[in-house]
Amino acid sequence: MKNLTVATTAFLAGAFVCGIAIYAQGAAKADPVKIDSKHYKVELENDSVRVLRVSYAPGEKSVMHSHPKTLAVFLTDGTSKMTTPDGKSQEVPIKAGTVQFREAGSHLPENVGKAPFQVIVVELKK
């Protein structure tokens, strides 16, 4: 009976650790539209692209999520803080009219500026 209890405890502990690892991996690959619909709205979607309108008020932030390769078109000026899954953060100044290409990846964005900002994100599917 004692061996059964030890084996059961070991199994449950292993399952818990694996569950946390799977949860953390899933969170980093999470779809921002599904987990943060307050800030991410789908404007258009087809077989080639998904176009998102992203809006943040001052002080607002998202949750860790990911995008495939993207083009970002900034509609307003502002300052964003980007945190990566490894915990590193960087403040990024935003200028209206700027267009950026980004490789696929995960991040947690935050508006650290004094004004709302908007960006159009074009996610590439192919």
N, C-alpha and C. Protein backbone atom coordinates (compact mmCIF):
# COMPACT_ATOMS: atom_id res chain seq x y z
N MET A 1 0.83 -1.19 0.00
CA MET A 1 0.00 0.00 0.00
C MET A 1 0.87 1.25 0.00
N LYS A 2 1.98 1.21 0.79
CA LYS A 2 2.87 2.37 0.86
C LYS A 2 3.47 2.67 -0.52
N ASN A 3 3.86 1.62 -1.27
CA ASN A 3 4.43 1.81 -2.60
C ASN A 3 3.41 2.42 -3.56
N LEU A 4 2.15 2.03 -3.40
CA LEU A 4 1.10 2.59 -4.24
C LEU A 4 0.93 4.08 -3.98
N THR A 5 1.00 4.48 -2.70
CA THR A 5 0.87 5.89 -2.34
C THR A 5 2.04 6.70 -2.90
N VAL A 6 3.25 6.18 -2.78
CA VAL A 6 4.43 6.87 -3.30
C VAL A 6 4.33 6.99 -4.83
N ALA A 7 3.92 5.91 -5.48
CA ALA A 7 3.80 5.93 -6.94
C ALA A 7 2.72 6.91 -7.38
N THR A 8 1.60 6.92 -6.67
CA THR A 8 0.51 7.84 -7.01
C THR A 8 0.96 9.28 -6.82
N THR A 9 1.64 9.57 -5.71
CA THR A 9 2.14 10.92 -5.44
C THR A 9 3.13 11.35 -6.51
N ALA A 10 4.04 10.45 -6.89
CA ALA A 10 5.03 10.76 -7.92
C ALA A 10 4.34 11.03 -9.26
N PHE A 11 3.34 10.21 -9.59
CA PHE A 11 2.61 10.40 -10.84
C PHE A 11 1.91 11.75 -10.85
N LEU A 12 1.21 12.09 -9.77
CA LEU A 12 0.49 13.36 -9.70
C LEU A 12 1.45 14.55 -9.77
N ALA A 13 2.58 14.44 -9.10
CA ALA A 13 3.56 15.53 -9.14
C ALA A 13 4.10 15.71 -10.56
N GLY A 14 4.39 14.59 -11.23
CA GLY A 14 4.88 14.66 -12.61
C GLY A 14 3.84 15.25 -13.54
N ALA A 15 2.59 14.84 -13.36
CA ALA A 15 1.51 15.36 -14.20
C ALA A 15 1.34 16.86 -13.98
N PHE A 16 1.48 17.30 -12.73
CA PHE A 16 1.35 18.73 -12.40
C PHE A 16 2.46 19.53 -13.09
N VAL A 17 3.70 19.06 -13.01
CA VAL A 17 4.82 19.76 -13.63
C VAL A 17 4.65 19.80 -15.14
N CYS A 18 4.25 18.67 -15.74
CA CYS A 18 4.03 18.64 -17.19
C CYS A 18 2.88 19.57 -17.57
N GLY A 19 1.85 19.61 -16.76
CA GLY A 19 0.71 20.48 -17.02
C GLY A 19 1.12 21.94 -17.03
N ILE A 20 1.96 22.33 -16.07
CA ILE A 20 2.45 23.71 -16.02
C ILE A 20 3.28 24.02 -17.26
N ALA A 21 4.13 23.10 -17.67
CA ALA A 21 4.96 23.33 -18.85
C ALA A 21 4.10 23.47 -20.10
N ILE A 22 3.08 22.62 -20.23
CA ILE A 22 2.19 22.70 -21.38
C ILE A 22 1.41 24.01 -21.34
N TYR A 23 0.93 24.41 -20.16
CA TYR A 23 0.19 25.67 -20.03
C TYR A 23 1.07 26.85 -20.42
N ALA A 24 2.31 26.87 -19.93
CA ALA A 24 3.22 27.99 -20.24
C ALA A 24 3.51 28.04 -21.73
N GLN A 25 3.72 26.88 -22.35
CA GLN A 25 3.99 26.84 -23.78
C GLN A 25 2.75 27.31 -24.56
N GLY A 26 1.59 26.87 -24.14
CA GLY A 26 0.35 27.27 -24.80
C GLY A 26 0.09 28.75 -24.66
N ALA A 27 0.36 29.31 -23.49
CA ALA A 27 0.14 30.74 -23.27
C ALA A 27 1.01 31.57 -24.19
N ALA A 28 2.25 31.12 -24.41
CA ALA A 28 3.16 31.87 -25.27
C ALA A 28 2.71 31.80 -26.73
N LYS A 29 1.93 30.78 -27.11
CA LYS A 29 1.47 30.64 -28.48
C LYS A 29 0.01 31.04 -28.63
N ALA A 30 -0.52 31.70 -27.64
CA ALA A 30 -1.94 32.03 -27.62
C ALA A 30 -2.31 33.08 -28.65
N ASP A 31 -3.52 32.95 -29.19
CA ASP A 31 -4.06 33.88 -30.17
C ASP A 31 -4.57 35.13 -29.44
N PRO A 32 -4.03 36.31 -29.76
CA PRO A 32 -4.45 37.52 -29.03
C PRO A 32 -5.93 37.84 -29.18
N VAL A 33 -6.53 37.49 -30.31
CA VAL A 33 -7.96 37.77 -30.51
C VAL A 33 -8.80 36.96 -29.54
N LYS A 34 -8.37 35.74 -29.26
CA LYS A 34 -9.13 34.86 -28.35
C LYS A 34 -8.90 35.20 -26.90
N ILE A 35 -7.69 35.61 -26.54
CA ILE A 35 -7.39 35.84 -25.12
C ILE A 35 -7.40 37.30 -24.70
N ASP A 36 -7.48 38.22 -25.67
CA ASP A 36 -7.48 39.65 -25.35
C ASP A 36 -8.35 40.42 -26.35
N SER A 37 -9.62 40.05 -26.39
CA SER A 37 -10.53 40.68 -27.35
C SER A 37 -10.82 42.15 -27.05
N LYS A 38 -10.44 42.60 -25.87
CA LYS A 38 -10.60 44.03 -25.55
C LYS A 38 -9.70 44.88 -26.45
N HIS A 39 -8.52 44.37 -26.76
CA HIS A 39 -7.54 45.14 -27.51
C HIS A 39 -7.39 44.71 -28.97
N TYR A 40 -7.78 43.49 -29.32
CA TYR A 40 -7.55 42.93 -30.66
C TYR A 40 -8.87 42.60 -31.34
N LYS A 41 -9.11 43.21 -32.50
CA LYS A 41 -10.32 42.98 -33.28
C LYS A 41 -9.93 42.57 -34.70
N VAL A 42 -10.58 41.54 -35.23
CA VAL A 42 -10.33 41.11 -36.60
C VAL A 42 -11.09 42.04 -37.55
N GLU A 43 -10.36 42.66 -38.46
CA GLU A 43 -10.95 43.55 -39.47
C GLU A 43 -11.21 42.79 -40.76
N LEU A 44 -10.35 41.83 -41.09
CA LEU A 44 -10.46 41.07 -42.32
C LEU A 44 -9.69 39.78 -42.15
N GLU A 45 -10.22 38.70 -42.71
CA GLU A 45 -9.49 37.44 -42.71
C GLU A 45 -9.81 36.67 -43.98
N ASN A 46 -8.76 36.11 -44.59
CA ASN A 46 -8.93 35.24 -45.75
C ASN A 46 -7.84 34.17 -45.71
N ASP A 47 -7.64 33.46 -46.81
CA ASP A 47 -6.65 32.38 -46.83
C ASP A 47 -5.21 32.87 -46.72
N SER A 48 -4.97 34.14 -47.01
CA SER A 48 -3.60 34.66 -47.04
C SER A 48 -3.22 35.47 -45.81
N VAL A 49 -4.17 36.25 -45.26
CA VAL A 49 -3.85 37.16 -44.17
C VAL A 49 -4.99 37.22 -43.15
N ARG A 50 -4.64 37.70 -41.97
CA ARG A 50 -5.64 38.13 -40.98
C ARG A 50 -5.21 39.53 -40.57
N VAL A 51 -6.13 40.48 -40.67
CA VAL A 51 -5.84 41.88 -40.36
C VAL A 51 -6.50 42.21 -39.03
N LEU A 52 -5.70 42.68 -38.08
CA LEU A 52 -6.17 43.02 -36.75
C LEU A 52 -6.06 44.51 -36.50
N ARG A 53 -7.06 45.08 -35.83
CA ARG A 53 -6.96 46.45 -35.32
C ARG A 53 -6.64 46.31 -33.84
N VAL A 54 -5.55 46.93 -33.43
CA VAL A 54 -5.08 46.83 -32.05
C VAL A 54 -5.16 48.22 -31.42
N SER A 55 -5.83 48.33 -30.28
CA SER A 55 -6.01 49.61 -29.60
C SER A 55 -5.70 49.47 -28.12
N TYR A 56 -4.89 50.39 -27.59
CA TYR A 56 -4.55 50.42 -26.17
C TYR A 56 -4.71 51.83 -25.62
N ALA A 57 -5.38 51.97 -24.51
CA ALA A 57 -5.41 53.24 -23.79
C ALA A 57 -4.12 53.35 -22.97
N PRO A 58 -3.78 54.55 -22.51
CA PRO A 58 -2.57 54.70 -21.69
C PRO A 58 -2.63 53.77 -20.47
N GLY A 59 -1.52 53.09 -20.22
CA GLY A 59 -1.42 52.21 -19.05
C GLY A 59 -1.97 50.82 -19.27
N GLU A 60 -2.65 50.58 -20.37
CA GLU A 60 -3.21 49.25 -20.61
C GLU A 60 -2.14 48.31 -21.17
N LYS A 61 -2.27 47.02 -20.83
CA LYS A 61 -1.38 46.03 -21.40
C LYS A 61 -2.15 44.77 -21.72
N SER A 62 -1.54 43.96 -22.54
CA SER A 62 -2.15 42.72 -22.97
C SER A 62 -1.67 41.59 -22.07
N VAL A 63 -1.75 40.38 -22.58
CA VAL A 63 -1.19 39.20 -21.95
C VAL A 63 -0.21 38.60 -22.96
N MET A 64 0.65 37.70 -22.50
CA MET A 64 1.61 37.08 -23.41
C MET A 64 0.84 36.35 -24.50
N HIS A 65 1.20 36.62 -25.75
CA HIS A 65 0.56 35.99 -26.89
C HIS A 65 1.55 35.95 -28.05
N SER A 66 1.13 35.36 -29.15
CA SER A 66 2.05 35.26 -30.29
C SER A 66 1.35 35.62 -31.59
N HIS A 67 2.18 35.91 -32.58
CA HIS A 67 1.73 36.20 -33.93
C HIS A 67 2.63 35.44 -34.90
N PRO A 68 2.10 35.08 -36.07
CA PRO A 68 2.98 34.61 -37.14
C PRO A 68 3.75 35.82 -37.68
N LYS A 69 4.45 35.68 -38.78
CA LYS A 69 5.10 36.84 -39.39
C LYS A 69 4.05 37.91 -39.63
N THR A 70 4.42 39.17 -39.34
CA THR A 70 3.44 40.26 -39.44
C THR A 70 4.03 41.52 -40.05
N LEU A 71 3.11 42.34 -40.54
CA LEU A 71 3.39 43.72 -40.88
C LEU A 71 2.56 44.55 -39.92
N ALA A 72 3.18 45.56 -39.32
CA ALA A 72 2.47 46.45 -38.40
C ALA A 72 2.48 47.85 -39.00
N VAL A 73 1.30 48.47 -39.06
CA VAL A 73 1.16 49.84 -39.55
C VAL A 73 0.64 50.67 -38.39
N PHE A 74 1.49 51.56 -37.88
CA PHE A 74 1.13 52.35 -36.70
C PHE A 74 0.29 53.55 -37.12
N LEU A 75 -0.87 53.69 -36.51
CA LEU A 75 -1.80 54.77 -36.86
C LEU A 75 -1.62 56.00 -35.99
N THR A 76 -0.99 55.84 -34.84
CA THR A 76 -0.80 56.95 -33.90
C THR A 76 0.62 56.93 -33.34
N ASP A 77 1.04 58.05 -32.79
CA ASP A 77 2.30 58.12 -32.05
C ASP A 77 2.09 57.51 -30.66
N GLY A 78 3.16 57.07 -30.05
CA GLY A 78 3.06 56.55 -28.69
C GLY A 78 4.34 55.87 -28.25
N THR A 79 4.27 55.23 -27.10
CA THR A 79 5.39 54.47 -26.56
C THR A 79 4.86 53.15 -26.06
N SER A 80 5.44 52.08 -26.56
CA SER A 80 5.04 50.73 -26.18
C SER A 80 6.17 50.06 -25.42
N LYS A 81 5.82 49.24 -24.47
CA LYS A 81 6.80 48.41 -23.78
C LYS A 81 6.51 46.97 -24.19
N MET A 82 7.51 46.30 -24.75
CA MET A 82 7.37 44.92 -25.19
C MET A 82 8.16 44.01 -24.26
N THR A 83 7.48 43.01 -23.72
CA THR A 83 8.13 42.02 -22.87
C THR A 83 8.08 40.68 -23.60
N THR A 84 9.21 40.00 -23.65
CA THR A 84 9.31 38.71 -24.33
C THR A 84 9.16 37.58 -23.31
N PRO A 85 8.92 36.36 -23.77
CA PRO A 85 8.71 35.24 -22.84
C PRO A 85 9.86 35.01 -21.86
N ASP A 86 11.07 35.45 -22.20
CA ASP A 86 12.20 35.28 -21.28
C ASP A 86 12.24 36.36 -20.20
N GLY A 87 11.25 37.27 -20.20
CA GLY A 87 11.15 38.30 -19.17
C GLY A 87 11.84 39.60 -19.51
N LYS A 88 12.53 39.66 -20.63
CA LYS A 88 13.21 40.91 -21.02
C LYS A 88 12.20 41.89 -21.58
N SER A 89 12.38 43.18 -21.25
CA SER A 89 11.48 44.24 -21.71
C SER A 89 12.26 45.32 -22.42
N GLN A 90 11.57 45.99 -23.34
CA GLN A 90 12.17 47.11 -24.06
C GLN A 90 11.08 48.11 -24.40
N GLU A 91 11.33 49.39 -24.13
CA GLU A 91 10.40 50.44 -24.55
C GLU A 91 10.66 50.78 -26.01
N VAL A 92 9.57 50.91 -26.76
CA VAL A 92 9.67 51.14 -28.20
C VAL A 92 8.86 52.39 -28.55
N PRO A 93 9.51 53.45 -29.04
CA PRO A 93 8.74 54.62 -29.48
C PRO A 93 8.00 54.29 -30.78
N ILE A 94 6.79 54.81 -30.91
CA ILE A 94 5.95 54.54 -32.07
C ILE A 94 5.66 55.86 -32.77
N LYS A 95 5.83 55.90 -34.07
CA LYS A 95 5.51 57.08 -34.87
C LYS A 95 4.41 56.71 -35.86
N ALA A 96 3.37 57.52 -35.90
CA ALA A 96 2.27 57.30 -36.84
C ALA A 96 2.81 57.22 -38.26
N GLY A 97 2.30 56.27 -39.02
CA GLY A 97 2.73 56.09 -40.40
C GLY A 97 3.87 55.12 -40.58
N THR A 98 4.51 54.71 -39.48
CA THR A 98 5.61 53.76 -39.56
C THR A 98 5.07 52.37 -39.87
N VAL A 99 5.79 51.66 -40.73
CA VAL A 99 5.45 50.28 -41.06
C VAL A 99 6.63 49.40 -40.68
N GLN A 100 6.34 48.31 -39.96
CA GLN A 100 7.40 47.39 -39.53
C GLN A 100 7.05 45.96 -39.93
N PHE A 101 8.08 45.18 -40.24
CA PHE A 101 7.92 43.74 -40.44
C PHE A 101 8.47 43.06 -39.20
N ARG A 102 7.77 42.06 -38.72
CA ARG A 102 8.23 41.29 -37.55
C ARG A 102 8.16 39.80 -37.86
N GLU A 103 9.19 39.11 -37.45
CA GLU A 103 9.19 37.65 -37.54
C GLU A 103 8.18 37.10 -36.55
N ALA A 104 7.78 35.87 -36.73
CA ALA A 104 6.86 35.22 -35.81
C ALA A 104 7.47 35.21 -34.41
N GLY A 105 6.63 35.38 -33.41
CA GLY A 105 7.14 35.37 -32.05
C GLY A 105 6.07 35.72 -31.05
N SER A 106 6.48 35.69 -29.79
CA SER A 106 5.58 35.97 -28.68
C SER A 106 6.02 37.23 -27.96
N HIS A 107 5.04 37.96 -27.40
CA HIS A 107 5.35 39.16 -26.64
C HIS A 107 4.15 39.56 -25.78
N LEU A 108 4.40 40.48 -24.88
CA LEU A 108 3.36 41.08 -24.06
C LEU A 108 3.52 42.59 -24.23
N PRO A 109 2.63 43.24 -25.00
CA PRO A 109 2.74 44.68 -25.21
C PRO A 109 2.00 45.48 -24.13
N GLU A 110 2.51 46.68 -23.88
CA GLU A 110 1.90 47.59 -22.91
C GLU A 110 2.05 49.01 -23.41
N ASN A 111 1.00 49.82 -23.28
CA ASN A 111 1.07 51.23 -23.65
C ASN A 111 1.60 52.00 -22.45
N VAL A 112 2.86 52.42 -22.52
CA VAL A 112 3.46 53.18 -21.42
C VAL A 112 3.49 54.67 -21.73
N GLY A 113 2.83 55.07 -22.83
CA GLY A 113 2.74 56.47 -23.19
C GLY A 113 1.58 57.15 -22.50
N LYS A 114 1.38 58.42 -22.82
CA LYS A 114 0.33 59.23 -22.20
C LYS A 114 -0.93 59.33 -23.06
N ALA A 115 -0.89 58.76 -24.25
CA ALA A 115 -2.04 58.83 -25.17
C ALA A 115 -2.40 57.44 -25.66
N PRO A 116 -3.65 57.26 -26.10
CA PRO A 116 -4.03 55.97 -26.70
C PRO A 116 -3.23 55.74 -27.98
N PHE A 117 -3.01 54.48 -28.31
CA PHE A 117 -2.42 54.21 -29.62
C PHE A 117 -3.14 53.08 -30.32
N GLN A 118 -3.05 53.14 -31.65
CA GLN A 118 -3.66 52.12 -32.51
C GLN A 118 -2.65 51.67 -33.55
N VAL A 119 -2.75 50.40 -33.87
CA VAL A 119 -1.90 49.80 -34.90
C VAL A 119 -2.73 48.78 -35.66
N ILE A 120 -2.48 48.70 -36.96
CA ILE A 120 -3.07 47.64 -37.78
C ILE A 120 -1.99 46.57 -37.94
N VAL A 121 -2.33 45.35 -37.58
CA VAL A 121 -1.39 44.23 -37.67
C VAL A 121 -1.91 43.29 -38.77
N VAL A 122 -1.06 43.04 -39.75
CA VAL A 122 -1.38 42.12 -40.83
C VAL A 122 -0.59 40.84 -40.59
N GLU A 123 -1.27 39.79 -40.18
CA GLU A 123 -0.63 38.49 -39.94
C GLU A 123 -0.60 37.72 -41.26
N LEU A 124 0.59 37.26 -41.63
CA LEU A 124 0.76 36.51 -42.88
C LEU A 124 0.52 35.03 -42.62
N LYS A 125 -0.31 34.40 -43.42
CA LYS A 125 -0.64 32.99 -43.21
C LYS A 125 0.23 32.04 -44.03
N LYS A 126 0.87 32.53 -45.08
CA LYS A 126 1.65 31.62 -45.95
C LYS A 126 3.09 32.03 -45.98
